[in-house]
Amino acid sequence: MAPPQPRQAVFRASTQRFLRAHPTVERLLRGFFRELLLRRPENVLEFAAEYFTNPELPRQIQEELGGPGAAEEGQRPAPHPGGM
């Protein structure tokens, strides 16, 4: 694979800094992909819309990050109520 071009390297470094500063992004995407691959819905767009509009999602992310109201260590957040 060719080494990244200077603009690509700057973008990559900027992206990495952003993701380190915002761990919720990684948790949000990790949770989404986990549920997507476990459930394997027919309609991925509908599933994504339901997943990201779940009113419990912010609380679940906070629990995973160990924030206020965090669940006991090792306890997984409740599954998405959409049931897909």
Protein backbone atom coordinates (compact mmCIF):
# COMPACT_ATOMS: atom_id res chain seq x y z
CA MET A 1 0.00 0.00 0.00
CA ALA A 2 1.31 3.44 -0.91
CA PRO A 3 2.17 5.82 1.92
CA PRO A 4 -0.53 8.40 2.59
CA GLN A 5 -0.30 11.72 0.81
CA PRO A 6 0.38 14.75 3.04
CA ARG A 7 -3.28 15.89 2.96
CA GLN A 8 -4.44 12.38 3.84
CA ALA A 9 -1.95 12.21 6.71
CA VAL A 10 -3.18 15.53 8.11
CA PHE A 11 -6.78 14.37 7.84
CA ARG A 12 -5.96 11.06 9.51
CA ALA A 13 -4.13 12.77 12.38
CA SER A 14 -6.98 15.25 12.81
CA THR A 15 -9.51 12.43 12.84
CA GLN A 16 -7.53 10.47 15.41
CA ARG A 17 -7.30 13.53 17.69
CA PHE A 18 -11.06 14.08 17.39
CA LEU A 19 -11.86 10.45 18.19
CA ARG A 20 -9.53 10.44 21.21
CA ALA A 21 -11.20 13.62 22.49
CA HIS A 22 -14.70 12.16 21.95
CA PRO A 23 -14.82 8.53 23.16
CA THR A 24 -18.59 8.54 22.80
CA VAL A 25 -18.19 8.37 19.01
CA GLU A 26 -16.37 5.04 19.22
CA ARG A 27 -18.93 3.63 21.68
CA LEU A 28 -21.83 4.86 19.57
CA LEU A 29 -20.49 3.26 16.40
CA ARG A 30 -19.31 0.10 18.15
CA GLY A 31 -22.78 -0.40 19.65
CA PHE A 32 -24.47 0.25 16.33
CA PHE A 33 -22.29 -2.22 14.42
CA ARG A 34 -22.61 -4.82 17.18
CA GLU A 35 -26.42 -4.68 17.04
CA LEU A 36 -26.45 -4.50 13.25
CA LEU A 37 -24.33 -7.64 12.92
CA LEU A 38 -26.20 -9.52 15.65
CA ARG A 39 -29.64 -8.73 14.27
CA ARG A 40 -28.82 -8.58 10.52
CA PRO A 41 -31.95 -6.63 9.59
CA GLU A 42 -33.36 -6.73 6.07
CA ASN A 43 -33.73 -2.96 6.01
CA VAL A 44 -30.45 -1.48 7.27
CA LEU A 45 -31.55 2.14 6.78
CA GLU A 46 -34.68 1.62 8.86
CA PHE A 47 -32.68 -0.18 11.54
CA ALA A 48 -30.11 2.66 11.66
CA ALA A 49 -32.85 5.28 11.93
CA GLU A 50 -34.48 3.41 14.81
CA TYR A 51 -31.14 2.73 16.53
CA PHE A 52 -29.95 6.34 16.46
CA THR A 53 -33.32 7.79 17.51
CA ASN A 54 -33.69 5.43 20.49
CA PRO A 55 -34.33 7.76 23.47
CA GLU A 56 -32.38 5.35 25.72
CA LEU A 57 -29.22 5.56 23.60
CA PRO A 58 -27.57 8.48 25.46
CA ARG A 59 -28.05 6.70 28.80
CA GLN A 60 -26.67 3.45 27.40
CA ILE A 61 -23.57 5.21 26.05
CA GLN A 62 -23.01 6.92 29.41
CA GLU A 63 -23.27 3.56 31.17
CA GLU A 64 -20.71 2.04 28.81
CA LEU A 65 -18.37 4.96 29.44
CA GLY A 66 -18.81 4.61 33.20
CA GLY A 67 -20.59 7.95 33.54
CA PRO A 68 -23.42 8.96 35.87
CA GLY A 69 -25.78 6.10 36.55
CA ALA A 70 -23.32 3.60 35.08
CA ALA A 71 -24.20 -0.05 35.34
CA GLU A 72 -21.99 -2.48 37.21
CA GLU A 73 -18.82 -3.44 35.40
CA GLY A 74 -19.39 -6.17 32.84
CA GLN A 75 -23.11 -5.48 32.56
CA ARG A 76 -24.26 -4.86 29.01
CA PRO A 77 -26.76 -2.08 28.25
CA ALA A 78 -30.32 -3.09 27.49
CA PRO A 79 -30.90 -4.05 23.86
CA HIS A 80 -32.58 -1.63 21.49
CA PRO A 81 -36.35 -1.64 22.14
CA GLY A 82 -37.08 -1.72 18.40
CA GLY A 83 -36.63 -5.51 18.44
CA MET A 84 -35.15 -5.69 14.95
